[in-house]
Amino acid sequence: MTVTLPPAASAFCERFDVNVPIVNAPMANVAGGALASAVASAGALGLIGGGYGDADWIRAQLGQAAGHDVGVGLITWRLAQQPDLLTRLISDGVRTFFLSFDNPSPYASTILRSGGRLICQVHSVAEATRAIDAGADAIVAQGNEAGGHGCDNESVTELVPAVVDAVAPVPVLAAGGITTGQDLAAVWAGGAAGAVLGTRLYATHEALDVDAAKRRLVQASNGATVRTSVFDLMRGPDWPGDYNGRALRNATTEEWHSRLDELDAAVVGERDRYDVAALAGDVSKRVVWAGAGVGRVERIQPAADVVREVFDEALRH
């Protein structure tokens, strides 16, 4: 069957050697080699969540994804503390990098000179134009609905068209609350080339977290998330600027979300309590990052099935 994609989607697929304009969010401690390779097997772009930059862990996950051309997502402000990480990953054969949460310019030339491809996640038009000046091959416009780290910026429906207009013809992917094919079709209509899926792919067999976390995602309603700094205070490290994270509400957010100053004063003892819960996999207390579209996640599936289902549904709209 011949598939006709929107022009922007076709441009993204051609640049990144994929058939499906979907990318898995590079979720730290969730998106490992198994998830990235499963996404790639369905024709989309698979990414390993490099998080704070544990090079040995990333290398092990790349080994698990052997046979698939997967990329790595990195927290940009953390790279300043690990000046050799990019060159190590490039020497390991990584060609696609997804940079988030700070200015990509100091790192872009290293990636591009190696023949690599650069995706930059942004939260405003100003960040998008800065990323284009740095040489980004694609932009991810992350709205405030997104799970995990982000900021209190515009919604994805407001941000995506503005970023598309600002950076054309560079392809723009939408991120934030996108869980279904109908969601993908909607962002196509707003000019996006495709979408980044986080929460929907968290609830998959290949995601690295415990089954209890995935079950909580399936059981959650759309109003079950909160954007908060509680978990960064509990876990560390300190995040810069206005970044916080969207997660499922639980006993920890109920106790501390409206009492951040008190938590900051008592953080040493509370971190000890939190660490005990995290080690036990107690998702009633530890973080489960989730986007605002979590209520549309209905079951735990193989990741490749999620990609195909979302894509096929979008084509029917």
Protein backbone atom coordinates (compact mmCIF):
# COMPACT_ATOMS: atom_id res chain seq x y z
CA MET A 1 0.00 0.00 0.00
CA THR A 2 1.30 3.44 -0.92
CA VAL A 3 1.24 5.88 1.99
CA THR A 4 0.98 9.59 1.30
CA LEU A 5 2.42 11.68 4.11
CA PRO A 6 2.22 15.43 4.68
CA PRO A 7 5.22 17.11 3.02
CA ALA A 8 6.83 17.98 6.35
CA ALA A 9 6.52 14.38 7.50
CA SER A 10 8.10 13.14 4.29
CA ALA A 11 10.99 15.57 4.73
CA PHE A 12 11.60 14.33 8.28
CA CYS A 13 11.48 10.68 7.24
CA GLU A 14 13.93 11.28 4.42
CA ARG A 15 16.40 13.16 6.61
CA PHE A 16 16.34 10.55 9.38
CA ASP A 17 16.05 7.41 7.24
CA VAL A 18 12.72 6.29 8.74
CA ASN A 19 9.33 5.42 7.31
CA VAL A 20 7.19 6.60 10.22
CA PRO A 21 7.42 10.17 11.58
CA ILE A 22 7.27 9.11 15.21
CA VAL A 23 10.08 9.31 17.78
CA ASN A 24 10.13 7.81 21.24
CA ALA A 25 10.91 10.35 23.93
CA PRO A 26 14.40 9.65 25.31
CA MET A 27 13.05 9.03 28.82
CA ALA A 28 15.83 8.57 31.36
CA ASN A 29 15.73 5.16 33.07
CA VAL A 30 12.81 4.14 30.85
CA ALA A 31 13.95 4.32 27.22
CA GLY A 32 16.74 1.79 26.99
CA GLY A 33 18.07 -0.23 24.09
CA ALA A 34 15.11 -2.61 24.01
CA LEU A 35 12.56 0.19 23.66
CA ALA A 36 14.61 2.13 21.12
CA SER A 37 15.18 -0.93 18.94
CA ALA A 38 11.50 -1.94 19.12
CA VAL A 39 10.48 1.53 17.95
CA ALA A 40 13.05 1.36 15.16
CA SER A 41 11.76 -2.06 14.11
CA ALA A 42 8.38 -0.45 13.41
CA GLY A 43 9.99 2.06 11.05
CA ALA A 44 10.17 5.00 13.46
CA LEU A 45 13.12 6.71 15.16
CA GLY A 46 14.25 4.98 18.34
CA LEU A 47 16.16 6.87 21.02
CA ILE A 48 17.94 5.79 24.18
CA GLY A 49 17.38 8.10 27.14
CA GLY A 50 20.90 9.11 28.10
CA GLY A 51 19.65 11.17 31.04
CA TYR A 52 22.43 12.64 33.14
CA GLY A 53 25.06 10.99 30.99
CA ASP A 54 26.19 7.66 32.44
CA ALA A 55 28.43 6.69 29.53
CA ASP A 56 28.79 3.05 30.56
CA TRP A 57 25.03 2.61 30.89
CA ILE A 58 24.42 4.26 27.52
CA ARG A 59 27.03 2.01 25.92
CA ALA A 60 25.37 -1.09 27.39
CA GLN A 61 21.98 0.02 26.04
CA LEU A 62 23.47 0.66 22.61
CA GLY A 63 24.70 -2.92 22.72
CA GLN A 64 21.15 -4.11 23.40
CA ALA A 65 19.94 -2.16 20.37
CA ALA A 66 22.61 -3.63 18.08
CA GLY A 67 21.28 -4.08 14.57
CA HIS A 68 19.13 -0.95 14.68
CA ASP A 69 20.21 2.62 13.98
CA VAL A 70 19.08 4.30 17.20
CA GLY A 71 19.99 7.67 18.63
CA VAL A 72 20.69 9.05 22.10
CA GLY A 73 18.94 11.81 24.02
CA LEU A 74 20.98 13.94 26.39
CA ILE A 75 20.29 16.67 28.93
CA THR A 76 22.20 19.55 27.40
CA TRP A 77 23.16 21.40 30.59
CA ARG A 78 24.70 18.20 31.89
CA LEU A 79 27.06 17.97 28.92
CA ALA A 80 29.02 20.93 30.25
CA GLN A 81 30.05 18.68 33.14
CA GLN A 82 31.05 15.80 30.81
CA PRO A 83 33.09 17.33 27.98
CA ASP A 84 34.18 13.97 26.55
CA LEU A 85 30.77 12.29 26.45
CA LEU A 86 29.79 13.38 22.94
CA THR A 87 33.05 12.24 21.37
CA ARG A 88 32.79 8.89 23.17
CA LEU A 89 29.28 8.33 21.84
CA ILE A 90 30.25 9.39 18.34
CA SER A 91 33.16 6.94 18.45
CA ASP A 92 30.63 4.26 19.50
CA GLY A 93 28.76 4.92 16.25
CA VAL A 94 25.91 7.14 17.44
CA ARG A 95 24.68 9.29 14.55
CA THR A 96 21.53 10.90 15.96
CA PHE A 97 21.44 13.11 19.03
CA PHE A 98 18.43 14.66 20.75
CA LEU A 99 19.46 17.60 22.97
CA SER A 100 17.10 19.16 25.52
CA PHE A 101 16.98 21.82 28.22
CA ASP A 102 19.72 24.28 27.34
CA ASN A 103 21.60 25.99 24.54
CA PRO A 104 22.74 23.33 22.01
CA SER A 105 25.21 25.62 20.27
CA PRO A 106 28.38 24.51 22.14
CA TYR A 107 27.77 20.89 21.11
CA ALA A 108 26.15 21.16 17.71
CA SER A 109 29.35 21.55 15.70
CA THR A 110 30.85 18.39 17.21
CA ILE A 111 27.78 16.40 16.18
CA LEU A 112 27.44 17.91 12.72
CA ARG A 113 31.16 17.67 11.87
CA SER A 114 30.97 13.95 12.59
CA GLY A 115 28.22 13.56 9.98
CA GLY A 116 25.62 13.18 12.70
CA ARG A 117 22.07 14.48 12.89
CA LEU A 118 20.85 16.89 15.54
CA ILE A 119 17.36 17.16 17.01
CA CYS A 120 16.78 19.99 19.48
CA GLN A 121 13.85 20.11 21.87
CA VAL A 122 12.59 23.62 22.59
CA HIS A 123 9.90 25.36 24.64
CA SER A 124 9.60 28.68 22.80
CA VAL A 125 10.06 30.28 19.40
CA ALA A 126 13.23 32.01 20.64
CA GLU A 127 14.76 28.65 21.63
CA ALA A 128 13.73 27.22 18.26
CA THR A 129 15.46 29.94 16.26
CA ARG A 130 18.59 29.54 18.40
CA ALA A 131 18.59 25.81 17.63
CA ILE A 132 18.24 26.49 13.91
CA ASP A 133 21.18 28.89 14.07
CA ALA A 134 23.16 26.06 15.70
CA GLY A 135 22.37 23.79 12.72
CA ALA A 136 19.55 21.57 14.03
CA ASP A 137 18.15 19.08 11.51
CA ALA A 138 14.79 18.95 13.31
CA ILE A 139 13.05 20.74 16.14
CA VAL A 140 10.85 19.25 18.85
CA ALA A 141 8.29 21.77 20.13
CA GLN A 142 7.41 20.56 23.63
CA GLY A 143 4.19 21.92 25.09
CA ASN A 144 3.37 22.05 28.77
CA GLU A 145 1.29 18.86 28.53
CA ALA A 146 4.45 16.77 28.24
CA GLY A 147 5.39 14.26 30.91
CA GLY A 148 8.77 14.43 32.56
CA HIS A 149 10.85 17.58 32.55
CA GLY A 150 9.69 20.74 30.82
CA CYS A 151 8.30 24.08 31.89
CA ASP A 152 5.09 26.06 32.29
CA ASN A 153 5.04 27.23 28.70
CA GLU A 154 2.36 27.21 25.99
CA SER A 155 0.24 24.22 25.07
CA VAL A 156 1.37 22.06 22.19
CA THR A 157 -1.50 23.34 20.00
CA GLU A 158 -0.29 26.92 20.52
CA LEU A 159 3.44 26.28 20.37
CA VAL A 160 3.72 24.01 17.34
CA PRO A 161 2.25 26.34 14.68
CA ALA A 162 4.34 29.25 15.96
CA VAL A 163 7.54 27.19 15.84
CA VAL A 164 6.67 25.78 12.40
CA ASP A 165 6.28 29.31 11.05
CA ALA A 166 9.54 30.44 12.64
CA VAL A 167 11.82 27.63 11.43
CA ALA A 168 10.38 26.51 8.08
CA PRO A 169 11.44 24.47 6.14
CA VAL A 170 13.16 22.59 9.00
CA PRO A 171 10.75 19.86 10.20
CA VAL A 172 9.10 20.27 13.59
CA LEU A 173 7.92 17.41 15.80
CA ALA A 174 5.22 17.96 18.41
CA ALA A 175 5.64 16.72 21.98
CA GLY A 176 3.21 16.90 24.86
CA GLY A 177 0.13 14.82 25.60
CA ILE A 178 0.23 12.94 22.28
CA THR A 179 -0.92 9.36 22.75
CA THR A 180 -3.19 8.40 19.83
CA GLY A 181 -3.35 8.50 16.07
CA GLN A 182 -5.98 11.21 16.32
CA ASP A 183 -3.46 13.30 18.27
CA LEU A 184 -0.85 12.73 15.56
CA ALA A 185 -3.31 13.72 12.83
CA ALA A 186 -4.12 16.89 14.77
CA VAL A 187 -0.49 18.02 14.99
CA TRP A 188 -0.04 17.21 11.29
CA ALA A 189 -2.90 19.62 10.65
CA GLY A 190 -0.98 22.24 12.64
CA GLY A 191 2.06 21.87 10.39
CA ALA A 192 4.10 19.40 12.44
CA ALA A 193 6.11 16.71 10.68
CA GLY A 194 5.37 14.12 13.34
CA ALA A 195 5.30 13.49 17.04
CA VAL A 196 7.38 12.45 20.02
CA LEU A 197 5.63 9.82 22.15
CA GLY A 198 6.58 9.45 25.79
CA THR A 199 3.83 8.27 28.11
CA ARG A 200 2.24 5.93 25.56
CA LEU A 201 5.58 4.19 25.01
CA TYR A 202 6.32 4.14 28.75
CA ALA A 203 3.36 1.73 29.04
CA THR A 204 5.08 -0.92 26.93
CA HIS A 205 6.73 -4.24 27.61
CA GLU A 206 10.14 -2.91 26.55
CA ALA A 207 10.18 0.15 28.84
CA LEU A 208 12.63 -0.33 31.68
CA ASP A 209 10.50 0.61 34.67
CA VAL A 210 8.68 -1.78 36.99
CA ASP A 211 5.28 -3.22 36.05
CA ALA A 212 3.62 -1.33 38.91
CA ALA A 213 4.56 1.99 37.28
CA LYS A 214 3.16 0.89 33.92
CA ARG A 215 -0.08 -0.27 35.58
CA ARG A 216 -0.45 3.13 37.21
CA LEU A 217 -0.23 4.76 33.78
CA VAL A 218 -2.99 2.54 32.44
CA GLN A 219 -5.21 3.17 35.46
CA ALA A 220 -4.72 6.96 35.48
CA SER A 221 -7.20 9.55 34.26
CA ASN A 222 -6.34 12.65 32.25
CA GLY A 223 -6.50 14.76 35.41
CA ALA A 224 -4.10 12.52 37.30
CA THR A 225 -0.92 14.51 36.61
CA VAL A 226 0.67 17.56 38.18
CA ARG A 227 3.57 19.76 37.10
CA THR A 228 5.82 19.99 40.13
CA SER A 229 9.35 20.42 41.49
CA VAL A 230 8.75 17.98 44.34
CA PHE A 231 10.56 15.03 42.79
CA ASP A 232 13.62 17.05 41.78
CA LEU A 233 13.94 18.26 45.36
CA MET A 234 13.53 14.72 46.61
CA ARG A 235 15.93 13.01 44.20
CA GLY A 236 18.35 15.66 42.99
CA PRO A 237 20.23 16.94 41.13
CA ASP A 238 19.01 20.53 41.15
CA TRP A 239 17.56 21.59 37.81
CA PRO A 240 18.30 25.07 36.42
CA GLY A 241 15.90 27.88 35.67
CA ASP A 242 12.18 27.31 35.40
CA TYR A 243 12.25 23.59 34.63
CA ASN A 244 10.02 21.24 36.57
CA GLY A 245 8.32 17.95 35.74
CA ARG A 246 4.87 16.52 35.04
CA ALA A 247 4.15 13.30 36.93
CA LEU A 248 1.30 11.24 38.31
CA ARG A 249 -0.07 12.57 41.56
CA ASN A 250 0.74 10.34 44.52
CA ALA A 251 1.27 10.47 48.26
CA THR A 252 4.47 12.49 47.85
CA THR A 253 2.89 15.22 45.73
CA GLU A 254 -0.16 15.33 47.99
CA GLU A 255 2.06 15.94 50.99
CA TRP A 256 4.58 18.37 49.51
CA HIS A 257 3.49 19.99 46.22
CA SER A 258 1.96 23.01 47.96
CA ARG A 259 4.71 23.11 50.62
CA LEU A 260 7.92 23.38 48.60
CA ASP A 261 9.59 25.80 51.00
CA GLU A 262 8.98 23.41 53.89
CA LEU A 263 10.27 20.51 51.81
CA ASP A 264 13.42 22.43 50.95
CA ALA A 265 14.08 22.94 54.66
CA ALA A 266 13.50 19.27 55.48
CA VAL A 267 14.94 17.78 52.32
CA VAL A 268 17.75 15.68 53.81
CA GLY A 269 15.47 13.50 55.89
CA GLU A 270 12.78 13.39 53.22
CA ARG A 271 15.30 12.24 50.62
CA ASP A 272 16.16 9.29 52.81
CA ARG A 273 12.47 8.32 53.01
CA TYR A 274 12.05 8.81 49.30
CA ASP A 275 15.10 6.67 48.47
CA VAL A 276 13.68 3.80 50.52
CA ALA A 277 10.41 3.99 48.58
CA ALA A 278 12.22 4.23 45.25
CA LEU A 279 14.39 1.20 45.96
CA ALA A 280 11.27 -0.76 46.90
CA GLY A 281 9.51 0.28 43.67
CA ASP A 282 6.75 1.92 45.72
CA VAL A 283 4.94 3.95 43.06
CA SER A 284 2.54 5.35 45.64
CA LYS A 285 5.51 7.51 46.72
CA ARG A 286 8.19 7.50 44.02
CA VAL A 287 7.88 9.38 40.77
CA VAL A 288 6.10 8.09 37.68
CA TRP A 289 6.49 10.74 34.99
CA ALA A 290 3.42 11.09 32.78
CA GLY A 291 1.94 13.50 30.27
CA ALA A 292 -1.48 15.11 30.35
CA GLY A 293 -2.78 12.56 27.81
CA VAL A 294 -2.24 9.63 30.15
CA GLY A 295 -5.98 8.96 30.39
CA ARG A 296 -5.90 7.72 26.79
CA VAL A 297 -3.33 5.02 27.59
CA GLU A 298 -5.51 1.93 27.85
CA ARG A 299 -3.17 -1.05 28.08
CA ILE A 300 0.44 -2.19 28.22
CA GLN A 301 1.59 -3.26 24.74
CA PRO A 302 4.66 -4.10 22.70
CA ALA A 303 6.27 -0.83 21.61
CA ALA A 304 6.24 -1.73 17.91
CA ASP A 305 2.48 -2.28 18.10
CA VAL A 306 2.02 1.17 19.64
CA VAL A 307 3.95 2.82 16.80
CA ARG A 308 1.98 0.99 14.11
CA GLU A 309 -1.36 1.61 15.82
CA VAL A 310 -0.78 5.35 16.23
CA PHE A 311 0.53 5.76 12.69
CA ASP A 312 -2.22 3.72 11.04
CA GLU A 313 -4.91 5.58 12.99
CA ALA A 314 -3.43 8.94 11.98
CA LEU A 315 -3.50 7.96 8.32
CA ARG A 316 -7.21 7.17 8.59
CA HIS A 317 -8.05 10.66 9.90
